[in-house]
């Protein structure tokens, strides 16, 4: 390697690279969330729900955040799609209908290179979730919550649409 090539290589190593996108997810008083676990034994535990919601924000957020952006999401409440029905059985089904959409109450801060560009608190829900996301049945658990988070990230973080309401 020539001296000139070594200098060019060293200079390239010194130049700052764009910061990778970062996402943090926190939960405030999850034991008081409206509906984040199955109380009758057939659905996910609170621990499983929180881990899955964190994973969804991280996985889906990584796809939309640009280098140098960071997103801090604080989940203040979770109401999963559907309602549990106590049927007098060891396990009880979760009945999903159009009157029980998924709902998340969030506080969030989006930063670009350390500077706050968006900060808000809002309730995120989709009352048309059954008709809009009928294609999602193959998605397994938390299908409706996944779609809700994906749509929210697209609207707020990618397109920077203001919260409704």
N, C-alpha and C. Protein backbone atom coordinates (compact mmCIF):
# COMPACT_ATOMS: atom_id res chain seq x y z
N UNK A 1 0.85 -1.17 0.00
CA UNK A 1 0.00 0.00 0.00
C UNK A 1 0.90 1.23 0.00
N UNK A 2 0.59 2.17 -0.84
CA UNK A 2 1.39 3.39 -0.91
C UNK A 2 1.04 4.29 0.27
N UNK A 3 1.91 5.24 0.53
CA UNK A 3 1.68 6.18 1.63
C UNK A 3 0.41 6.99 1.37
N UNK A 4 0.21 7.37 0.11
CA UNK A 4 -0.99 8.15 -0.23
C UNK A 4 -2.26 7.33 0.02
N UNK A 5 -2.25 6.07 -0.36
CA UNK A 5 -3.41 5.20 -0.14
C UNK A 5 -3.67 5.04 1.35
N UNK A 6 -2.62 4.93 2.14
CA UNK A 6 -2.77 4.79 3.58
C UNK A 6 -3.40 6.04 4.19
N UNK A 7 -3.01 7.22 3.70
CA UNK A 7 -3.57 8.47 4.21
C UNK A 7 -5.05 8.57 3.83
N UNK A 8 -5.39 8.23 2.60
CA UNK A 8 -6.79 8.27 2.16
C UNK A 8 -7.63 7.29 2.97
N UNK A 9 -7.11 6.10 3.20
CA UNK A 9 -7.82 5.09 3.99
C UNK A 9 -8.02 5.58 5.41
N UNK A 10 -6.99 6.14 6.01
CA UNK A 10 -7.09 6.64 7.38
C UNK A 10 -8.09 7.79 7.46
N UNK A 11 -8.09 8.67 6.48
CA UNK A 11 -9.04 9.79 6.48
C UNK A 11 -10.47 9.27 6.39
N UNK A 12 -10.68 8.24 5.62
CA UNK A 12 -12.01 7.65 5.50
C UNK A 12 -12.49 7.04 6.80
N UNK A 13 -11.57 6.53 7.60
CA UNK A 13 -11.95 5.95 8.88
C UNK A 13 -12.30 7.01 9.91
N UNK A 14 -11.77 8.20 9.73
CA UNK A 14 -12.00 9.28 10.69
C UNK A 14 -13.32 9.99 10.43
N UNK A 15 -13.75 10.03 9.19
CA UNK A 15 -14.99 10.73 8.86
C UNK A 15 -16.16 10.12 9.62
N UNK A 16 -17.02 10.95 10.18
CA UNK A 16 -18.16 10.39 10.91
C UNK A 16 -19.15 9.74 9.97
N UNK A 17 -19.65 8.62 10.38
CA UNK A 17 -20.69 7.93 9.62
C UNK A 17 -22.04 8.43 10.09
N UNK A 18 -23.04 8.40 9.24
CA UNK A 18 -24.37 8.79 9.70
C UNK A 18 -24.79 7.90 10.86
N UNK A 19 -25.36 8.51 11.87
CA UNK A 19 -25.79 7.73 13.03
C UNK A 19 -26.94 6.81 12.64
N UNK A 20 -26.91 5.61 13.17
CA UNK A 20 -27.99 4.66 12.91
C UNK A 20 -29.25 5.13 13.63
N UNK A 21 -30.39 4.74 13.10
CA UNK A 21 -31.65 5.08 13.74
C UNK A 21 -31.75 4.35 15.07
N UNK A 22 -32.35 5.01 16.05
CA UNK A 22 -32.51 4.42 17.36
C UNK A 22 -33.97 4.49 17.78
N UNK A 23 -34.44 3.44 18.44
CA UNK A 23 -35.80 3.42 18.94
C UNK A 23 -35.76 2.92 20.38
N UNK A 24 -36.42 3.65 21.26
CA UNK A 24 -36.57 3.17 22.63
C UNK A 24 -38.07 3.11 22.94
N UNK A 25 -38.44 2.10 23.69
CA UNK A 25 -39.85 1.91 24.06
C UNK A 25 -39.91 1.68 25.56
N UNK A 26 -40.72 2.47 26.24
CA UNK A 26 -40.91 2.32 27.68
C UNK A 26 -42.40 2.18 27.96
N UNK A 27 -42.71 1.57 29.10
CA UNK A 27 -44.10 1.37 29.50
C UNK A 27 -44.29 1.99 30.88
N UNK A 28 -45.34 2.80 31.04
CA UNK A 28 -45.63 3.43 32.32
C UNK A 28 -46.79 2.69 32.98
N UNK A 29 -46.55 2.14 34.16
CA UNK A 29 -47.57 1.43 34.96
C UNK A 29 -48.34 0.40 34.13
N UNK A 30 -47.64 -0.54 33.51
CA UNK A 30 -48.34 -1.51 32.65
C UNK A 30 -49.35 -2.38 33.39
N UNK A 31 -49.18 -2.55 34.68
CA UNK A 31 -50.13 -3.36 35.44
C UNK A 31 -51.51 -2.70 35.48
N UNK A 32 -51.58 -1.42 35.13
CA UNK A 32 -52.87 -0.71 35.11
C UNK A 32 -53.40 -0.50 33.70
N UNK A 33 -52.76 -1.07 32.70
CA UNK A 33 -53.24 -0.92 31.33
C UNK A 33 -54.64 -1.50 31.20
N UNK A 34 -55.44 -0.90 30.32
CA UNK A 34 -56.83 -1.30 30.13
C UNK A 34 -56.97 -2.78 29.80
N UNK A 35 -56.21 -3.25 28.81
CA UNK A 35 -56.36 -4.63 28.35
C UNK A 35 -55.08 -5.07 27.65
N UNK A 36 -54.10 -5.47 28.45
CA UNK A 36 -52.82 -5.87 27.87
C UNK A 36 -52.50 -7.33 28.16
N UNK A 37 -53.39 -8.01 28.83
CA UNK A 37 -53.16 -9.43 29.11
C UNK A 37 -54.49 -10.14 29.24
N UNK A 38 -54.44 -11.44 29.07
CA UNK A 38 -55.66 -12.23 29.20
C UNK A 38 -55.86 -12.56 30.67
N UNK A 39 -56.93 -12.09 31.22
CA UNK A 39 -57.21 -12.30 32.64
C UNK A 39 -57.84 -13.67 32.91
N UNK A 40 -58.21 -14.37 31.85
CA UNK A 40 -58.88 -15.65 32.02
C UNK A 40 -58.02 -16.83 31.60
N UNK A 41 -56.75 -16.59 31.31
CA UNK A 41 -55.82 -17.69 31.12
C UNK A 41 -55.57 -18.19 29.72
N UNK A 42 -56.26 -17.70 28.70
CA UNK A 42 -56.06 -18.29 27.38
C UNK A 42 -55.18 -17.45 26.47
N UNK A 43 -54.97 -16.21 26.80
CA UNK A 43 -54.20 -15.33 25.91
C UNK A 43 -52.83 -15.01 26.47
N UNK A 44 -52.20 -14.00 25.91
CA UNK A 44 -50.84 -13.65 26.32
C UNK A 44 -50.81 -13.05 27.73
N UNK A 45 -49.71 -13.29 28.41
CA UNK A 45 -49.49 -12.65 29.70
C UNK A 45 -49.07 -11.20 29.45
N UNK A 46 -49.07 -10.41 30.50
CA UNK A 46 -48.65 -9.02 30.38
C UNK A 46 -47.21 -8.94 29.86
N UNK A 47 -46.35 -9.79 30.38
CA UNK A 47 -44.95 -9.80 29.96
C UNK A 47 -44.82 -10.07 28.46
N UNK A 48 -45.59 -11.01 27.95
CA UNK A 48 -45.56 -11.34 26.52
C UNK A 48 -46.08 -10.17 25.69
N UNK A 49 -47.18 -9.57 26.13
CA UNK A 49 -47.74 -8.43 25.39
C UNK A 49 -46.74 -7.28 25.32
N UNK A 50 -46.12 -6.93 26.44
CA UNK A 50 -45.16 -5.82 26.45
C UNK A 50 -43.97 -6.12 25.55
N UNK A 51 -43.48 -7.34 25.61
CA UNK A 51 -42.34 -7.72 24.75
C UNK A 51 -42.72 -7.63 23.28
N UNK A 52 -43.92 -8.05 22.94
CA UNK A 52 -44.35 -8.02 21.55
C UNK A 52 -44.57 -6.58 21.06
N UNK A 53 -45.18 -5.75 21.87
CA UNK A 53 -45.38 -4.35 21.49
C UNK A 53 -44.02 -3.66 21.31
N UNK A 54 -43.09 -3.92 22.21
CA UNK A 54 -41.74 -3.36 22.07
C UNK A 54 -41.10 -3.85 20.76
N UNK A 55 -41.22 -5.14 20.49
CA UNK A 55 -40.64 -5.71 19.27
C UNK A 55 -41.27 -5.08 18.02
N UNK A 56 -42.58 -4.89 18.04
CA UNK A 56 -43.25 -4.30 16.88
C UNK A 56 -42.77 -2.87 16.62
N UNK A 57 -42.70 -2.06 17.67
CA UNK A 57 -42.20 -0.69 17.49
C UNK A 57 -40.77 -0.71 16.96
N UNK A 58 -39.94 -1.57 17.51
CA UNK A 58 -38.53 -1.63 17.10
C UNK A 58 -38.40 -2.12 15.67
N UNK A 59 -39.05 -3.23 15.36
CA UNK A 59 -38.95 -3.81 14.02
C UNK A 59 -39.52 -2.89 12.95
N UNK A 60 -40.71 -2.38 13.19
CA UNK A 60 -41.36 -1.52 12.20
C UNK A 60 -40.71 -0.14 12.15
N UNK A 61 -40.28 0.36 13.28
CA UNK A 61 -39.61 1.65 13.33
C UNK A 61 -38.28 1.65 12.62
N UNK A 62 -37.54 0.55 12.74
CA UNK A 62 -36.25 0.43 12.05
C UNK A 62 -36.42 0.58 10.54
N UNK A 63 -37.57 0.21 10.04
CA UNK A 63 -37.82 0.29 8.59
C UNK A 63 -38.08 1.71 8.11
N UNK A 64 -38.55 2.58 9.00
CA UNK A 64 -38.96 3.92 8.55
C UNK A 64 -38.05 5.05 9.04
N UNK A 65 -37.34 4.84 10.13
CA UNK A 65 -36.47 5.90 10.61
C UNK A 65 -35.26 6.04 9.72
N UNK A 66 -34.87 7.29 9.49
CA UNK A 66 -33.69 7.56 8.68
C UNK A 66 -32.46 7.63 9.57
N UNK A 67 -31.27 7.44 9.00
CA UNK A 67 -30.05 7.59 9.79
C UNK A 67 -30.03 8.96 10.47
N UNK A 68 -29.64 8.96 11.72
CA UNK A 68 -29.59 10.20 12.49
C UNK A 68 -30.87 10.51 13.24
N UNK A 69 -31.94 9.75 12.98
CA UNK A 69 -33.19 9.96 13.70
C UNK A 69 -33.26 9.00 14.88
N UNK A 70 -33.92 9.46 15.94
CA UNK A 70 -34.20 8.58 17.07
C UNK A 70 -35.65 8.82 17.49
N UNK A 71 -36.27 7.76 17.95
CA UNK A 71 -37.67 7.83 18.37
C UNK A 71 -37.77 7.21 19.76
N UNK A 72 -38.29 7.99 20.69
CA UNK A 72 -38.56 7.49 22.04
C UNK A 72 -40.07 7.42 22.21
N UNK A 73 -40.57 6.22 22.43
CA UNK A 73 -42.01 6.00 22.59
C UNK A 73 -42.26 5.56 24.03
N UNK A 74 -43.18 6.24 24.69
CA UNK A 74 -43.62 5.82 26.01
C UNK A 74 -45.07 5.37 25.87
N UNK A 75 -45.31 4.11 26.17
CA UNK A 75 -46.66 3.55 26.07
C UNK A 75 -47.36 3.78 27.41
N UNK A 76 -48.46 4.52 27.37
CA UNK A 76 -49.19 4.88 28.57
C UNK A 76 -50.39 3.98 28.81
N UNK A 77 -50.89 3.34 27.75
CA UNK A 77 -52.01 2.41 27.89
C UNK A 77 -52.09 1.53 26.65
N UNK A 78 -52.56 0.32 26.86
CA UNK A 78 -52.80 -0.64 25.78
C UNK A 78 -54.20 -1.22 25.96
N UNK A 79 -54.94 -1.25 24.88
CA UNK A 79 -56.22 -1.96 24.84
C UNK A 79 -56.18 -2.81 23.57
N UNK A 80 -55.91 -4.09 23.73
CA UNK A 80 -55.78 -4.98 22.58
C UNK A 80 -57.10 -5.10 21.82
N UNK A 81 -57.00 -5.42 20.55
CA UNK A 81 -58.20 -5.64 19.74
C UNK A 81 -59.01 -6.78 20.34
N UNK A 82 -60.32 -6.59 20.37
CA UNK A 82 -61.19 -7.63 20.87
C UNK A 82 -61.43 -7.52 22.37
N UNK A 83 -62.30 -8.39 22.85
CA UNK A 83 -62.63 -8.46 24.27
C UNK A 83 -62.60 -9.91 24.70
N UNK A 84 -62.20 -10.10 25.94
CA UNK A 84 -62.25 -11.45 26.51
C UNK A 84 -63.67 -11.76 26.93
N UNK A 85 -64.03 -12.98 26.79
CA UNK A 85 -65.35 -13.43 27.23
C UNK A 85 -65.15 -14.52 28.27
N UNK A 86 -65.59 -14.24 29.47
CA UNK A 86 -65.52 -15.25 30.52
C UNK A 86 -66.62 -16.27 30.24
N UNK A 87 -66.21 -17.45 29.85
CA UNK A 87 -67.18 -18.46 29.43
C UNK A 87 -67.33 -19.58 30.46
N UNK A 88 -66.75 -19.39 31.65
CA UNK A 88 -66.84 -20.43 32.65
C UNK A 88 -65.97 -21.63 32.33
N UNK A 89 -65.04 -21.46 31.41
CA UNK A 89 -64.13 -22.53 31.01
C UNK A 89 -62.73 -22.22 31.54
N UNK A 90 -61.83 -23.20 31.54
CA UNK A 90 -60.46 -22.92 31.98
C UNK A 90 -59.79 -21.84 31.13
N UNK A 91 -60.15 -21.78 29.87
CA UNK A 91 -59.64 -20.71 29.00
C UNK A 91 -60.83 -20.02 28.35
N UNK A 92 -60.66 -18.75 28.09
CA UNK A 92 -61.76 -17.98 27.51
C UNK A 92 -61.30 -17.33 26.21
N UNK A 93 -62.18 -17.29 25.23
CA UNK A 93 -61.78 -16.74 23.93
C UNK A 93 -61.74 -15.21 23.93
N UNK A 94 -60.95 -14.66 23.03
CA UNK A 94 -60.94 -13.22 22.76
C UNK A 94 -61.79 -13.04 21.51
N UNK A 95 -62.86 -12.30 21.64
CA UNK A 95 -63.78 -12.05 20.54
C UNK A 95 -63.43 -10.70 19.92
N UNK A 96 -63.08 -10.72 18.64
CA UNK A 96 -62.72 -9.50 17.94
C UNK A 96 -63.92 -9.05 17.11
N UNK A 97 -64.35 -7.82 17.35
CA UNK A 97 -65.45 -7.25 16.58
C UNK A 97 -65.15 -5.78 16.32
N UNK A 98 -65.98 -5.17 15.47
CA UNK A 98 -65.72 -3.78 15.11
C UNK A 98 -65.94 -2.80 16.27
N UNK A 99 -66.52 -3.25 17.37
CA UNK A 99 -66.70 -2.35 18.51
C UNK A 99 -65.54 -2.42 19.50
N UNK A 100 -64.54 -3.22 19.20
CA UNK A 100 -63.39 -3.34 20.12
C UNK A 100 -62.06 -3.22 19.36
N UNK A 101 -61.80 -2.03 18.79
CA UNK A 101 -60.55 -1.86 18.03
C UNK A 101 -59.33 -1.80 18.94
N UNK A 102 -58.16 -2.05 18.39
CA UNK A 102 -56.95 -1.87 19.19
C UNK A 102 -56.77 -0.38 19.48
N UNK A 103 -56.20 -0.09 20.66
CA UNK A 103 -55.99 1.30 21.04
C UNK A 103 -54.72 1.40 21.87
N UNK A 104 -53.88 2.36 21.53
CA UNK A 104 -52.65 2.62 22.27
C UNK A 104 -52.64 4.10 22.65
N UNK A 105 -52.26 4.39 23.88
CA UNK A 105 -52.02 5.79 24.26
C UNK A 105 -50.52 5.95 24.37
N UNK A 106 -49.98 6.88 23.57
CA UNK A 106 -48.54 7.03 23.43
C UNK A 106 -48.09 8.45 23.72
N UNK A 107 -46.88 8.55 24.23
CA UNK A 107 -46.15 9.82 24.28
C UNK A 107 -44.87 9.54 23.50
N UNK A 108 -44.49 10.45 22.63
CA UNK A 108 -43.33 10.16 21.79
C UNK A 108 -42.54 11.42 21.47
N UNK A 109 -41.25 11.19 21.22
CA UNK A 109 -40.34 12.27 20.83
C UNK A 109 -39.50 11.75 19.67
N UNK A 110 -39.54 12.47 18.57
CA UNK A 110 -38.70 12.16 17.41
C UNK A 110 -37.60 13.20 17.34
N UNK A 111 -36.37 12.73 17.25
CA UNK A 111 -35.23 13.65 17.15
C UNK A 111 -34.45 13.36 15.88
N UNK A 112 -33.89 14.42 15.32
CA UNK A 112 -32.96 14.32 14.19
C UNK A 112 -31.64 14.88 14.66
N UNK A 113 -30.63 14.03 14.70
CA UNK A 113 -29.29 14.42 15.15
C UNK A 113 -29.34 15.17 16.48
N UNK A 114 -30.16 14.64 17.40
CA UNK A 114 -30.24 15.19 18.74
C UNK A 114 -31.21 16.34 18.92
N UNK A 115 -31.77 16.88 17.87
CA UNK A 115 -32.69 18.01 17.94
C UNK A 115 -34.13 17.49 17.83
N UNK A 116 -34.98 17.88 18.78
CA UNK A 116 -36.38 17.45 18.77
C UNK A 116 -37.11 18.09 17.60
N UNK A 117 -37.72 17.24 16.78
CA UNK A 117 -38.50 17.73 15.63
C UNK A 117 -39.99 17.44 15.78
N UNK A 118 -40.33 16.54 16.69
CA UNK A 118 -41.73 16.18 16.90
C UNK A 118 -41.86 15.60 18.30
N UNK A 119 -42.82 16.10 19.06
CA UNK A 119 -43.10 15.57 20.39
C UNK A 119 -44.59 15.72 20.64
N UNK A 120 -45.23 14.65 21.08
CA UNK A 120 -46.68 14.71 21.29
C UNK A 120 -47.13 13.54 22.15
N UNK A 121 -48.38 13.63 22.56
CA UNK A 121 -49.06 12.53 23.22
C UNK A 121 -50.38 12.35 22.50
N UNK A 122 -50.74 11.11 22.21
CA UNK A 122 -51.99 10.88 21.50
C UNK A 122 -52.52 9.47 21.74
N UNK A 123 -53.80 9.32 21.49
CA UNK A 123 -54.43 8.01 21.49
C UNK A 123 -54.49 7.56 20.04
N UNK A 124 -53.96 6.37 19.79
CA UNK A 124 -53.90 5.82 18.44
C UNK A 124 -54.88 4.66 18.36
N UNK A 125 -55.83 4.74 17.44
CA UNK A 125 -56.79 3.66 17.25
C UNK A 125 -57.25 3.66 15.80
N UNK A 126 -57.94 2.62 15.41
CA UNK A 126 -58.46 2.53 14.05
C UNK A 126 -59.79 1.79 14.12
N UNK A 127 -60.88 2.54 14.06
CA UNK A 127 -62.20 1.91 14.17
C UNK A 127 -62.58 1.12 12.93
N UNK A 128 -61.83 1.27 11.85
CA UNK A 128 -62.09 0.51 10.62
C UNK A 128 -61.13 -0.68 10.49
N UNK A 129 -60.52 -1.07 11.61
CA UNK A 129 -59.46 -2.08 11.55
C UNK A 129 -59.89 -3.40 10.94
N UNK A 130 -61.12 -3.82 11.14
CA UNK A 130 -61.54 -5.11 10.58
C UNK A 130 -61.69 -5.06 9.07
N UNK A 131 -62.24 -4.00 8.55
CA UNK A 131 -62.42 -3.93 7.10
C UNK A 131 -61.12 -3.60 6.38
N UNK A 132 -60.28 -2.80 7.00
CA UNK A 132 -59.01 -2.41 6.36
C UNK A 132 -57.96 -3.50 6.42
N UNK A 133 -58.00 -4.31 7.45
CA UNK A 133 -56.91 -5.26 7.65
C UNK A 133 -57.36 -6.72 7.58
N UNK A 134 -58.41 -6.97 6.83
CA UNK A 134 -58.88 -8.35 6.70
C UNK A 134 -57.81 -9.24 6.09
N UNK A 135 -56.93 -8.65 5.31
CA UNK A 135 -55.86 -9.43 4.67
C UNK A 135 -54.83 -9.92 5.67
N UNK A 136 -54.88 -9.45 6.90
CA UNK A 136 -53.82 -9.70 7.87
C UNK A 136 -54.01 -10.95 8.71
N UNK A 137 -55.03 -11.74 8.47
CA UNK A 137 -55.28 -12.88 9.34
C UNK A 137 -54.13 -13.87 9.39
N UNK A 138 -53.31 -13.91 8.38
CA UNK A 138 -52.19 -14.84 8.38
C UNK A 138 -51.06 -14.39 9.29
N UNK A 139 -51.17 -13.21 9.88
CA UNK A 139 -50.08 -12.63 10.64
C UNK A 139 -49.89 -13.15 12.05
N UNK A 140 -50.76 -14.00 12.58
CA UNK A 140 -50.58 -14.54 13.91
C UNK A 140 -51.06 -13.57 14.99
N UNK A 141 -50.48 -13.70 16.18
CA UNK A 141 -50.85 -12.87 17.31
C UNK A 141 -50.51 -11.40 17.07
N UNK A 142 -51.27 -10.53 17.68
CA UNK A 142 -51.03 -9.08 17.64
C UNK A 142 -51.09 -8.53 16.21
N UNK A 143 -51.87 -9.17 15.36
CA UNK A 143 -51.99 -8.73 13.97
C UNK A 143 -52.53 -7.31 13.87
N UNK A 144 -53.59 -7.03 14.60
CA UNK A 144 -54.20 -5.71 14.50
C UNK A 144 -53.32 -4.63 15.12
N UNK A 145 -52.63 -4.98 16.19
CA UNK A 145 -51.72 -4.03 16.82
C UNK A 145 -50.53 -3.74 15.90
N UNK A 146 -50.06 -4.75 15.20
CA UNK A 146 -48.96 -4.56 14.24
C UNK A 146 -49.38 -3.57 13.15
N UNK A 147 -50.57 -3.75 12.61
CA UNK A 147 -51.06 -2.86 11.56
C UNK A 147 -51.27 -1.45 12.10
N UNK A 148 -51.77 -1.33 13.32
CA UNK A 148 -51.99 -0.02 13.93
C UNK A 148 -50.66 0.72 14.10
N UNK A 149 -49.65 0.04 14.61
CA UNK A 149 -48.33 0.65 14.81
C UNK A 149 -47.70 0.99 13.46
N UNK A 150 -47.81 0.09 12.50
CA UNK A 150 -47.25 0.36 11.17
C UNK A 150 -47.88 1.60 10.54
N UNK A 151 -49.20 1.68 10.60
CA UNK A 151 -49.91 2.84 10.03
C UNK A 151 -49.54 4.13 10.77
N UNK A 152 -49.44 4.04 12.10
CA UNK A 152 -49.07 5.22 12.89
C UNK A 152 -47.66 5.71 12.53
N UNK A 153 -46.72 4.80 12.43
CA UNK A 153 -45.35 5.18 12.06
C UNK A 153 -45.32 5.85 10.69
N UNK A 154 -46.06 5.30 9.74
CA UNK A 154 -46.11 5.90 8.41
C UNK A 154 -46.69 7.31 8.46
N UNK A 155 -47.79 7.48 9.19
CA UNK A 155 -48.46 8.79 9.25
C UNK A 155 -47.65 9.82 10.03
N UNK A 156 -47.20 9.48 11.22
CA UNK A 156 -46.53 10.48 12.07
C UNK A 156 -45.05 10.65 11.76
N UNK A 157 -44.36 9.56 11.57
CA UNK A 157 -42.90 9.64 11.46
C UNK A 157 -42.45 9.83 10.01
N UNK A 158 -43.03 9.10 9.08
CA UNK A 158 -42.61 9.22 7.68
C UNK A 158 -43.22 10.46 7.04
N UNK A 159 -44.56 10.58 7.10
CA UNK A 159 -45.23 11.69 6.42
C UNK A 159 -45.38 12.93 7.30
N UNK A 160 -45.10 12.79 8.59
CA UNK A 160 -45.18 13.89 9.57
C UNK A 160 -46.56 14.54 9.61
N UNK A 161 -47.59 13.72 9.47
CA UNK A 161 -48.96 14.22 9.58
C UNK A 161 -49.25 14.53 11.04
N UNK A 162 -49.95 15.62 11.31
CA UNK A 162 -50.29 15.93 12.71
C UNK A 162 -51.32 14.94 13.25
N UNK A 163 -51.31 14.76 14.55
CA UNK A 163 -52.29 13.89 15.19
C UNK A 163 -53.68 14.46 14.99
N UNK A 164 -54.64 13.57 14.81
CA UNK A 164 -56.03 14.01 14.66
C UNK A 164 -56.66 14.17 16.03
N UNK A 165 -57.65 15.04 16.10
CA UNK A 165 -58.42 15.13 17.31
C UNK A 165 -58.07 16.29 18.12
